[in-house]
C-alpha atoms as a PDB file:
ATOM      1  CA  UNK A   1      -0.014  -0.030  -0.025  1.00  0.00           C
ATOM      2  CA  UNK A   2       1.360   3.360  -1.041  1.00  0.00           C
ATOM      3  CA  UNK A   3       0.584   6.281   1.191  1.00  0.00           C
ATOM      4  CA  UNK A   4       2.295   8.693  -1.038  1.00  0.00           C
ATOM      5  CA  UNK A   5       0.335  11.528  -2.741  1.00  0.00           C
ATOM      6  CA  UNK A   6       0.491  11.488  -6.726  1.00  0.00           C
ATOM      7  CA  UNK A   7       1.216  14.939  -7.483  1.00  0.00           C
ATOM      8  CA  UNK A   8       1.220  14.455 -11.219  1.00  0.00           C
ATOM      9  CA  UNK A   9      -2.362  15.668 -11.518  1.00  0.00           C
ATOM     10  CA  UNK A  10      -1.404  19.099  -9.990  1.00  0.00           C
ATOM     11  CA  UNK A  11       1.389  19.738 -12.400  1.00  0.00           C
ATOM     12  CA  UNK A  12      -0.870  21.774 -14.931  1.00  0.00           C
ATOM     13  CA  UNK A  13      -2.301  23.883 -12.039  1.00  0.00           C
ATOM     14  CA  UNK A  14       1.115  24.628 -10.741  1.00  0.00           C
ATOM     15  CA  UNK A  15       2.276  25.788 -13.956  1.00  0.00           C
ATOM     16  CA  UNK A  16      -0.840  28.053 -14.510  1.00  0.00           C
ATOM     17  CA  UNK A  17       0.088  29.656 -11.086  1.00  0.00           C
ATOM     18  CA  UNK A  18       3.698  29.985 -12.008  1.00  0.00           C
ATOM     19  CA  UNK A  19       2.474  31.920 -15.263  1.00  0.00           C
ATOM     20  CA  UNK A  20       0.246  34.528 -13.043  1.00  0.00           C
ATOM     21  CA  UNK A  21       3.109  34.857 -10.731  1.00  0.00           C
ATOM     22  CA  UNK A  22       5.022  37.360 -12.799  1.00  0.00           C
ATOM     23  CA  UNK A  23       3.690  41.097 -12.038  1.00  0.00           C
ATOM     24  CA  UNK A  24       3.804  41.883 -15.525  1.00  0.00           C
ATOM     25  CA  UNK A  25       1.543  38.926 -16.721  1.00  0.00           C
ATOM     26  CA  UNK A  26      -0.610  39.355 -13.583  1.00  0.00           C
ATOM     27  CA  UNK A  27      -1.131  43.163 -14.761  1.00  0.00           C
ATOM     28  CA  UNK A  28      -1.892  42.141 -18.218  1.00  0.00           C
ATOM     29  CA  UNK A  29      -4.746  39.786 -17.176  1.00  0.00           C
ATOM     30  CA  UNK A  30      -6.417  42.397 -14.669  1.00  0.00           C
ATOM     31  CA  UNK A  31      -6.085  44.866 -17.754  1.00  0.00           C
ATOM     32  CA  UNK A  32      -7.741  42.451 -20.095  1.00  0.00           C
ATOM     33  CA  UNK A  33     -10.392  41.456 -17.540  1.00  0.00           C
ATOM     34  CA  UNK A  34     -11.463  44.950 -16.835  1.00  0.00           C
ATOM     35  CA  UNK A  35     -11.300  45.858 -20.772  1.00  0.00           C
ATOM     36  CA  UNK A  36     -12.858  42.821 -21.936  1.00  0.00           C
ATOM     37  CA  UNK A  37     -10.536  42.772 -25.047  1.00  0.00           C
ATOM     38  CA  UNK A  38      -7.518  44.993 -26.023  1.00  0.00           C
ATOM     39  CA  UNK A  39      -4.812  44.934 -28.850  1.00  0.00           C
ATOM     40  CA  UNK A  40      -1.175  45.029 -28.354  1.00  0.00           C
ATOM     41  CA  UNK A  41      -0.910  48.603 -29.016  1.00  0.00           C
ATOM     42  CA  UNK A  42      -3.417  49.359 -26.414  1.00  0.00           C
ATOM     43  CA  UNK A  43      -1.939  47.253 -23.803  1.00  0.00           C
ATOM     44  CA  UNK A  44       1.530  48.770 -24.421  1.00  0.00           C
ATOM     45  CA  UNK A  45       0.328  52.147 -23.976  1.00  0.00           C
ATOM     46  CA  UNK A  46      -1.057  51.516 -20.880  1.00  0.00           C
ATOM     47  CA  UNK A  47       1.504  49.192 -19.429  1.00  0.00           C
ATOM     48  CA  UNK A  48       4.420  51.259 -20.492  1.00  0.00           C
ATOM     49  CA  UNK A  49       6.760  48.482 -21.757  1.00  0.00           C
ATOM     50  CA  UNK A  50       8.379  47.502 -25.102  1.00  0.00           C
ATOM     51  CA  UNK A  51       6.283  45.959 -27.476  1.00  0.00           C
ATOM     52  CA  UNK A  52       8.567  43.000 -27.496  1.00  0.00           C
ATOM     53  CA  UNK A  53       8.523  42.554 -23.789  1.00  0.00           C
ATOM     54  CA  UNK A  54       4.836  42.737 -24.239  1.00  0.00           C
ATOM     55  CA  UNK A  55       4.879  40.165 -26.862  1.00  0.00           C
ATOM     56  CA  UNK A  56       6.917  37.563 -24.887  1.00  0.00           C
ATOM     57  CA  UNK A  57       4.354  37.872 -22.079  1.00  0.00           C
ATOM     58  CA  UNK A  58       1.427  37.461 -24.261  1.00  0.00           C
ATOM     59  CA  UNK A  59       3.190  34.506 -26.064  1.00  0.00           C
ATOM     60  CA  UNK A  60       3.376  32.926 -22.417  1.00  0.00           C
ATOM     61  CA  UNK A  61      -0.170  33.650 -21.643  1.00  0.00           C
ATOM     62  CA  UNK A  62      -1.548  32.207 -24.740  1.00  0.00           C
ATOM     63  CA  UNK A  63       0.847  29.054 -24.548  1.00  0.00           C
ATOM     64  CA  UNK A  64      -0.811  28.230 -21.092  1.00  0.00           C
ATOM     65  CA  UNK A  65      -4.376  29.199 -22.550  1.00  0.00           C
ATOM     66  CA  UNK A  66      -4.801  31.988 -20.378  1.00  0.00           C
ATOM     67  CA  UNK A  67      -5.446  34.443 -23.040  1.00  0.00           C
ATOM     68  CA  UNK A  68      -6.907  34.017 -26.413  1.00  0.00           C
ATOM     69  CA  UNK A  69      -6.317  36.336 -29.735  1.00  0.00           C
ATOM     70  CA  UNK A  70      -8.999  37.097 -32.086  1.00  0.00           C
ATOM     71  CA  UNK A  71      -8.396  38.643 -35.385  1.00  0.00           C
ATOM     72  CA  UNK A  72     -10.326  41.755 -36.191  1.00  0.00           C
ATOM     73  CA  UNK A  73      -8.933  42.874 -39.625  1.00  0.00           C
ATOM     74  CA  UNK A  74      -5.319  43.461 -39.198  1.00  0.00           C
ATOM     75  CA  UNK A  75      -5.440  43.720 -35.313  1.00  0.00           C
ATOM     76  CA  UNK A  76      -5.369  40.835 -32.878  1.00  0.00           C
ATOM     77  CA  UNK A  77      -7.749  41.427 -29.974  1.00  0.00           C
ATOM     78  CA  UNK A  78      -6.624  39.657 -26.616  1.00  0.00           C
ATOM     79  CA  UNK A  79      -8.948  38.493 -23.807  1.00  0.00           C
ATOM     80  CA  UNK A  80      -8.751  36.148 -20.890  1.00  0.00           C
ATOM     81  CA  UNK A  81     -10.341  32.976 -22.118  1.00  0.00           C
ATOM     82  CA  UNK A  82      -9.614  30.827 -18.936  1.00  0.00           C
ATOM     83  CA  UNK A  83     -12.245  30.486 -16.407  1.00  0.00           C
ATOM     84  CA  UNK A  84     -10.080  29.346 -13.616  1.00  0.00           C
ATOM     85  CA  UNK A  85      -7.843  32.297 -14.275  1.00  0.00           C
ATOM     86  CA  UNK A  86     -10.978  34.588 -13.934  1.00  0.00           C
ATOM     87  CA  UNK A  87     -11.676  32.748 -10.225  1.00  0.00           C
ATOM     88  CA  UNK A  88      -8.000  32.941  -9.360  1.00  0.00           C
ATOM     89  CA  UNK A  89      -7.644  36.697  -9.936  1.00  0.00           C
ATOM     90  CA  UNK A  90     -11.177  37.467  -8.081  1.00  0.00           C
ATOM     91  CA  UNK A  91      -9.566  35.892  -5.041  1.00  0.00           C
ATOM     92  CA  UNK A  92      -6.661  38.078  -5.210  1.00  0.00           C
ATOM     93  CA  UNK A  93      -6.390  41.365  -2.935  1.00  0.00           C
ATOM     94  CA  UNK A  94      -5.374  43.591  -5.267  1.00  0.00           C
ATOM     95  CA  UNK A  95      -4.489  46.976  -3.896  1.00  0.00           C
ATOM     96  CA  UNK A  96      -6.968  49.860  -4.508  1.00  0.00           C
ATOM     97  CA  UNK A  97      -4.402  52.291  -5.969  1.00  0.00           C
ATOM     98  CA  UNK A  98      -3.618  49.400  -8.600  1.00  0.00           C
ATOM     99  CA  UNK A  99      -7.486  48.916  -9.341  1.00  0.00           C
ATOM    100  CA  UNK A 100      -7.844  52.718 -10.038  1.00  0.00           C
ATOM    101  CA  UNK A 101      -4.989  52.560 -12.361  1.00  0.00           C
ATOM    102  CA  UNK A 102      -6.411  49.637 -14.024  1.00  0.00           C
ATOM    103  CA  UNK A 103      -9.690  51.562 -14.813  1.00  0.00           C
ATOM    104  CA  UNK A 104      -7.972  54.380 -16.329  1.00  0.00           C
ATOM    105  CA  UNK A 105      -7.165  54.372 -20.002  1.00  0.00           C
ATOM    106  CA  UNK A 106      -3.500  55.216 -20.981  1.00  0.00           C
ATOM    107  CA  UNK A 107      -2.145  55.433 -17.518  1.00  0.00           C
ATOM    108  CA  UNK A 108       0.930  52.972 -16.710  1.00  0.00           C
ATOM    109  CA  UNK A 109      -0.133  50.318 -14.246  1.00  0.00           C
END
């Protein structure tokens, strides 16, 4: 009889938490949840980070199925597609100062 816990089923959830643990990626998710969907230019303006850095973070979020990108003409509109992520973020104690900045368009988070 083996009393050890099989951690294999938890690996996917642990990876998801690691992806969200980066402050820039968490900020992207928060902004997308507030705005429903945004393109790279809008995200870059409000986050105040280089486009290449933003693209790397968006790639990581897409890879882990946190966000999806839908083509609208020449633009790609990103949105949070993962319901588990939505529930996790709801449980976070985001400072009021950050929440206010997220609600403002064009102001760095």
